[in-house]
N, C-alpha and C. Protein backbone atom coordinates (compact mmCIF):
# COMPACT_ATOMS: atom_id res chain seq x y z
N MET A 1 -16.38 72.05 4.93
CA MET A 1 -16.80 72.14 3.55
C MET A 1 -18.23 72.66 3.52
N VAL A 2 -18.49 73.64 2.68
CA VAL A 2 -19.83 74.21 2.55
C VAL A 2 -20.50 73.70 1.28
N ASP A 3 -19.86 73.94 0.13
CA ASP A 3 -20.39 73.46 -1.15
C ASP A 3 -19.25 73.41 -2.15
N GLY A 4 -19.56 73.43 -3.44
CA GLY A 4 -18.54 73.26 -4.47
C GLY A 4 -17.65 74.47 -4.70
N ASP A 5 -18.02 75.64 -4.15
CA ASP A 5 -17.17 76.82 -4.33
C ASP A 5 -16.89 77.58 -3.03
N THR A 6 -17.26 77.01 -1.89
CA THR A 6 -17.05 77.66 -0.60
C THR A 6 -16.59 76.61 0.42
N PHE A 7 -15.56 76.97 1.19
CA PHE A 7 -15.04 76.04 2.18
C PHE A 7 -14.39 76.81 3.32
N TRP A 8 -14.15 76.12 4.42
CA TRP A 8 -13.47 76.71 5.57
C TRP A 8 -11.99 76.35 5.50
N PHE A 9 -11.14 77.34 5.79
CA PHE A 9 -9.69 77.12 5.79
C PHE A 9 -9.09 77.95 6.92
N ARG A 10 -8.53 77.25 7.91
CA ARG A 10 -7.90 77.92 9.05
C ARG A 10 -8.79 78.98 9.68
N GLY A 11 -10.06 78.61 9.87
CA GLY A 11 -11.01 79.48 10.56
C GLY A 11 -11.64 80.56 9.70
N GLU A 12 -11.31 80.61 8.41
CA GLU A 12 -11.91 81.60 7.52
C GLU A 12 -12.75 80.91 6.45
N LYS A 13 -13.88 81.52 6.16
CA LYS A 13 -14.75 80.99 5.10
C LYS A 13 -14.26 81.57 3.78
N ILE A 14 -13.85 80.68 2.87
CA ILE A 14 -13.27 81.06 1.59
C ILE A 14 -14.28 80.78 0.48
N ARG A 15 -14.51 81.77 -0.36
CA ARG A 15 -15.35 81.61 -1.56
C ARG A 15 -14.41 81.68 -2.76
N ILE A 16 -14.38 80.63 -3.58
CA ILE A 16 -13.53 80.63 -4.76
C ILE A 16 -14.06 81.71 -5.71
N ALA A 17 -13.23 82.70 -5.99
CA ALA A 17 -13.67 83.93 -6.64
C ALA A 17 -13.95 83.79 -8.13
N ASP A 18 -13.35 82.83 -8.79
CA ASP A 18 -13.43 82.81 -10.25
C ASP A 18 -14.41 81.80 -10.82
N ILE A 19 -15.26 81.18 -9.97
CA ILE A 19 -16.20 80.18 -10.46
C ILE A 19 -17.57 80.29 -9.79
N ASP A 20 -18.51 79.57 -10.35
CA ASP A 20 -19.83 79.38 -9.76
C ASP A 20 -20.15 77.89 -9.88
N THR A 21 -20.62 77.29 -8.79
CA THR A 21 -21.03 75.89 -8.81
C THR A 21 -22.50 75.79 -8.44
N PRO A 22 -23.14 74.67 -8.74
CA PRO A 22 -24.55 74.49 -8.40
C PRO A 22 -24.80 74.65 -6.90
N GLU A 23 -25.95 75.22 -6.58
CA GLU A 23 -26.32 75.44 -5.19
C GLU A 23 -26.79 74.16 -4.51
N LEU A 24 -26.52 74.09 -3.22
CA LEU A 24 -26.99 72.96 -2.41
C LEU A 24 -28.05 73.38 -1.41
N SER A 25 -28.02 74.62 -0.94
CA SER A 25 -28.98 75.03 0.06
C SER A 25 -29.60 76.37 -0.28
N PRO A 26 -30.73 76.37 -0.86
CA PRO A 26 -31.41 75.19 -1.39
C PRO A 26 -31.12 75.01 -2.89
N SER A 27 -31.21 73.79 -3.32
CA SER A 27 -31.14 73.50 -4.75
C SER A 27 -32.50 73.79 -5.35
N ARG A 28 -32.52 74.21 -6.60
CA ARG A 28 -33.78 74.54 -7.25
C ARG A 28 -34.34 73.38 -8.06
N CYS A 29 -33.54 72.33 -8.26
CA CYS A 29 -34.03 71.15 -8.98
C CYS A 29 -33.10 69.98 -8.65
N ARG A 30 -33.53 68.79 -9.03
CA ARG A 30 -32.74 67.59 -8.75
C ARG A 30 -31.38 67.62 -9.45
N ARG A 31 -31.37 68.08 -10.71
CA ARG A 31 -30.12 68.15 -11.46
C ARG A 31 -29.10 69.06 -10.77
N GLU A 32 -29.57 70.21 -10.28
CA GLU A 32 -28.67 71.13 -9.59
C GLU A 32 -28.10 70.48 -8.33
N ARG A 33 -28.95 69.80 -7.58
CA ARG A 33 -28.49 69.15 -6.34
C ARG A 33 -27.44 68.08 -6.64
N GLU A 34 -27.70 67.25 -7.63
CA GLU A 34 -26.76 66.18 -7.99
C GLU A 34 -25.40 66.76 -8.43
N ARG A 35 -25.45 67.78 -9.28
CA ARG A 35 -24.21 68.40 -9.73
C ARG A 35 -23.51 69.14 -8.60
N GLY A 36 -24.29 69.75 -7.72
CA GLY A 36 -23.72 70.44 -6.57
C GLY A 36 -23.00 69.49 -5.62
N LEU A 37 -23.59 68.33 -5.39
CA LEU A 37 -22.95 67.33 -4.53
C LEU A 37 -21.66 66.81 -5.17
N ALA A 38 -21.68 66.62 -6.49
CA ALA A 38 -20.47 66.16 -7.19
C ALA A 38 -19.36 67.22 -7.11
N ALA A 39 -19.74 68.50 -7.27
CA ALA A 39 -18.75 69.58 -7.18
C ALA A 39 -18.17 69.67 -5.78
N LYS A 40 -19.02 69.53 -4.78
CA LYS A 40 -18.56 69.59 -3.38
C LYS A 40 -17.57 68.46 -3.10
N GLN A 41 -17.89 67.25 -3.54
CA GLN A 41 -16.99 66.11 -3.30
C GLN A 41 -15.66 66.29 -4.02
N ARG A 42 -15.72 66.75 -5.25
CA ARG A 42 -14.48 66.95 -6.02
C ARG A 42 -13.62 68.04 -5.40
N LEU A 43 -14.25 69.13 -4.95
CA LEU A 43 -13.48 70.18 -4.27
C LEU A 43 -12.82 69.62 -3.02
N LEU A 44 -13.53 68.83 -2.25
CA LEU A 44 -12.96 68.22 -1.05
C LEU A 44 -11.75 67.36 -1.41
N ASP A 45 -11.87 66.57 -2.46
CA ASP A 45 -10.75 65.73 -2.90
C ASP A 45 -9.53 66.59 -3.27
N ILE A 46 -9.76 67.67 -4.02
CA ILE A 46 -8.65 68.55 -4.42
C ILE A 46 -8.01 69.21 -3.21
N LEU A 47 -8.84 69.75 -2.31
CA LEU A 47 -8.31 70.45 -1.13
C LEU A 47 -7.50 69.53 -0.23
N ASN A 48 -7.89 68.27 -0.17
CA ASN A 48 -7.20 67.32 0.70
C ASN A 48 -6.00 66.64 0.05
N SER A 49 -5.70 67.01 -1.20
CA SER A 49 -4.62 66.32 -1.91
C SER A 49 -3.27 67.01 -1.82
N GLY A 50 -3.17 68.10 -1.08
CA GLY A 50 -1.87 68.74 -0.92
C GLY A 50 -1.99 70.22 -0.63
N PRO A 51 -0.83 70.90 -0.61
CA PRO A 51 -0.81 72.33 -0.25
C PRO A 51 -1.58 73.20 -1.24
N LEU A 52 -2.11 74.28 -0.71
CA LEU A 52 -2.87 75.24 -1.49
C LEU A 52 -2.18 76.60 -1.42
N SER A 53 -2.44 77.43 -2.41
CA SER A 53 -2.04 78.83 -2.34
C SER A 53 -3.24 79.66 -2.76
N PHE A 54 -3.23 80.92 -2.34
CA PHE A 54 -4.37 81.79 -2.54
C PHE A 54 -3.94 83.13 -3.13
N LYS A 55 -4.81 83.69 -3.95
CA LYS A 55 -4.58 85.01 -4.52
C LYS A 55 -5.87 85.81 -4.33
N VAL A 56 -5.73 87.04 -3.85
CA VAL A 56 -6.89 87.91 -3.69
C VAL A 56 -7.37 88.33 -5.07
N GLY A 57 -8.68 88.25 -5.28
CA GLY A 57 -9.26 88.67 -6.56
C GLY A 57 -9.50 90.17 -6.57
N ALA A 58 -10.53 90.59 -7.27
CA ALA A 58 -10.85 92.01 -7.40
C ALA A 58 -11.28 92.62 -6.06
N ARG A 59 -11.89 91.82 -5.20
CA ARG A 59 -12.31 92.28 -3.86
C ARG A 59 -11.81 91.30 -2.82
N ASP A 60 -11.62 91.78 -1.59
CA ASP A 60 -11.15 90.93 -0.51
C ASP A 60 -12.27 90.06 0.05
N GLU A 61 -13.47 90.63 0.19
CA GLU A 61 -14.60 89.90 0.78
C GLU A 61 -15.87 90.16 -0.01
N ASP A 62 -16.82 89.21 0.11
CA ASP A 62 -18.14 89.44 -0.47
C ASP A 62 -19.07 89.99 0.60
N ARG A 63 -20.32 90.22 0.23
CA ARG A 63 -21.27 90.83 1.17
C ARG A 63 -21.63 89.94 2.34
N PHE A 64 -21.25 88.65 2.27
CA PHE A 64 -21.51 87.72 3.36
C PHE A 64 -20.30 87.56 4.28
N GLY A 65 -19.23 88.31 4.02
CA GLY A 65 -18.03 88.23 4.84
C GLY A 65 -17.09 87.10 4.47
N ARG A 66 -17.38 86.41 3.37
CA ARG A 66 -16.48 85.34 2.92
C ARG A 66 -15.28 85.95 2.23
N LYS A 67 -14.11 85.38 2.43
CA LYS A 67 -12.91 85.83 1.74
C LYS A 67 -12.98 85.36 0.30
N LEU A 68 -12.82 86.27 -0.65
CA LEU A 68 -12.84 85.93 -2.07
C LEU A 68 -11.42 85.65 -2.53
N ARG A 69 -11.16 84.43 -2.94
CA ARG A 69 -9.81 84.04 -3.31
C ARG A 69 -9.81 83.16 -4.56
N ILE A 70 -8.78 83.34 -5.37
CA ILE A 70 -8.50 82.37 -6.42
C ILE A 70 -7.59 81.35 -5.75
N VAL A 71 -7.96 80.10 -5.81
CA VAL A 71 -7.29 79.04 -5.07
C VAL A 71 -6.47 78.20 -6.04
N TYR A 72 -5.24 77.91 -5.66
CA TYR A 72 -4.34 77.15 -6.52
C TYR A 72 -3.88 75.88 -5.81
N ARG A 73 -3.78 74.84 -6.58
CA ARG A 73 -3.20 73.56 -6.14
C ARG A 73 -2.17 73.20 -7.21
N ASP A 74 -0.92 73.06 -6.83
CA ASP A 74 0.16 72.79 -7.79
C ASP A 74 0.19 73.82 -8.91
N ARG A 75 0.03 75.08 -8.57
CA ARG A 75 0.07 76.22 -9.50
C ARG A 75 -1.05 76.20 -10.54
N ARG A 76 -2.06 75.38 -10.32
CA ARG A 76 -3.22 75.34 -11.22
C ARG A 76 -4.45 75.82 -10.46
N SER A 77 -5.24 76.67 -11.09
CA SER A 77 -6.45 77.18 -10.46
C SER A 77 -7.42 76.04 -10.18
N VAL A 78 -7.85 75.94 -8.93
CA VAL A 78 -8.85 74.94 -8.56
C VAL A 78 -10.14 75.22 -9.34
N GLY A 79 -10.46 76.48 -9.54
CA GLY A 79 -11.63 76.84 -10.34
C GLY A 79 -11.52 76.30 -11.76
N ASP A 80 -10.33 76.45 -12.38
CA ASP A 80 -10.14 75.94 -13.73
C ASP A 80 -10.29 74.43 -13.79
N ILE A 81 -9.84 73.75 -12.76
CA ILE A 81 -9.99 72.29 -12.70
C ILE A 81 -11.47 71.92 -12.69
N LEU A 82 -12.24 72.57 -11.82
CA LEU A 82 -13.67 72.26 -11.71
C LEU A 82 -14.42 72.62 -12.99
N VAL A 83 -14.05 73.73 -13.62
CA VAL A 83 -14.68 74.11 -14.89
C VAL A 83 -14.37 73.06 -15.96
N ALA A 84 -13.11 72.66 -16.06
CA ALA A 84 -12.70 71.67 -17.07
C ALA A 84 -13.43 70.34 -16.89
N GLU A 85 -13.77 70.01 -15.64
CA GLU A 85 -14.46 68.76 -15.35
C GLU A 85 -15.98 68.90 -15.43
N GLY A 86 -16.48 70.07 -15.79
CA GLY A 86 -17.91 70.29 -15.93
C GLY A 86 -18.67 70.46 -14.63
N LEU A 87 -17.94 70.70 -13.53
CA LEU A 87 -18.56 70.83 -12.22
C LEU A 87 -18.76 72.28 -11.80
N ALA A 88 -18.28 73.21 -12.60
CA ALA A 88 -18.40 74.64 -12.31
C ALA A 88 -18.40 75.38 -13.64
N ARG A 89 -18.72 76.68 -13.56
CA ARG A 89 -18.53 77.55 -14.72
C ARG A 89 -17.83 78.81 -14.25
N LYS A 90 -17.21 79.47 -15.20
CA LYS A 90 -16.52 80.71 -14.88
C LYS A 90 -17.53 81.71 -14.32
N TRP A 91 -17.11 82.46 -13.32
CA TRP A 91 -17.96 83.47 -12.71
C TRP A 91 -18.17 84.60 -13.71
N GLN A 92 -19.43 84.92 -13.98
CA GLN A 92 -19.80 85.95 -14.95
C GLN A 92 -20.40 87.19 -14.29
N GLY A 93 -20.33 87.27 -12.97
CA GLY A 93 -20.85 88.43 -12.26
C GLY A 93 -22.22 88.22 -11.63
N SER A 94 -22.88 87.13 -11.98
CA SER A 94 -24.17 86.80 -11.36
C SER A 94 -24.43 85.30 -11.54
N ARG A 95 -25.28 84.79 -10.66
CA ARG A 95 -25.63 83.37 -10.72
C ARG A 95 -26.60 83.11 -11.86
N ARG A 96 -26.44 81.95 -12.49
CA ARG A 96 -27.36 81.49 -13.53
C ARG A 96 -27.89 80.12 -13.10
N SER A 97 -29.04 79.77 -13.60
CA SER A 97 -29.67 78.52 -13.22
C SER A 97 -28.87 77.31 -13.74
N TRP A 98 -28.82 76.28 -12.93
CA TRP A 98 -28.24 74.99 -13.30
C TRP A 98 -29.33 74.00 -13.67
N CYS A 99 -30.59 74.44 -13.68
CA CYS A 99 -31.72 73.55 -13.90
C CYS A 99 -32.14 73.49 -15.37
N GLU A 100 -31.53 74.24 -16.23
CA GLU A 100 -31.94 74.28 -17.62
C GLU A 100 -31.37 73.13 -18.40
C-alpha cells in the first residue's frame, strides 16, 4: 500500500485513474495528512475485502511508470466509493490542495 490512490498488485504499482486523494509524502498540512491516512486505510479495507477487476483508462501508464487503472470491487468503482465517502475527489487533470 502506498497511499489512498496508489497500491501494489501482483508486482505492479497501480494508480487509481479516476480519483485524487490527499498526499502523504509529503503532506502539506495536518488536515491533508489526516485525510490521506484515512483514505489509505479505507482503500486497504476495500482491496482486502474480495476480488478486484481493472479497466485501462485513457492512458496505460503515468510518467512515473505506474499503471493507470479504474479499479472495481463488486462492479462498483473503488474511486466512486472513496469519493462518496469524502476520502477522494474525481480526477480533474491536476492536483488541488487539500489544505483549504
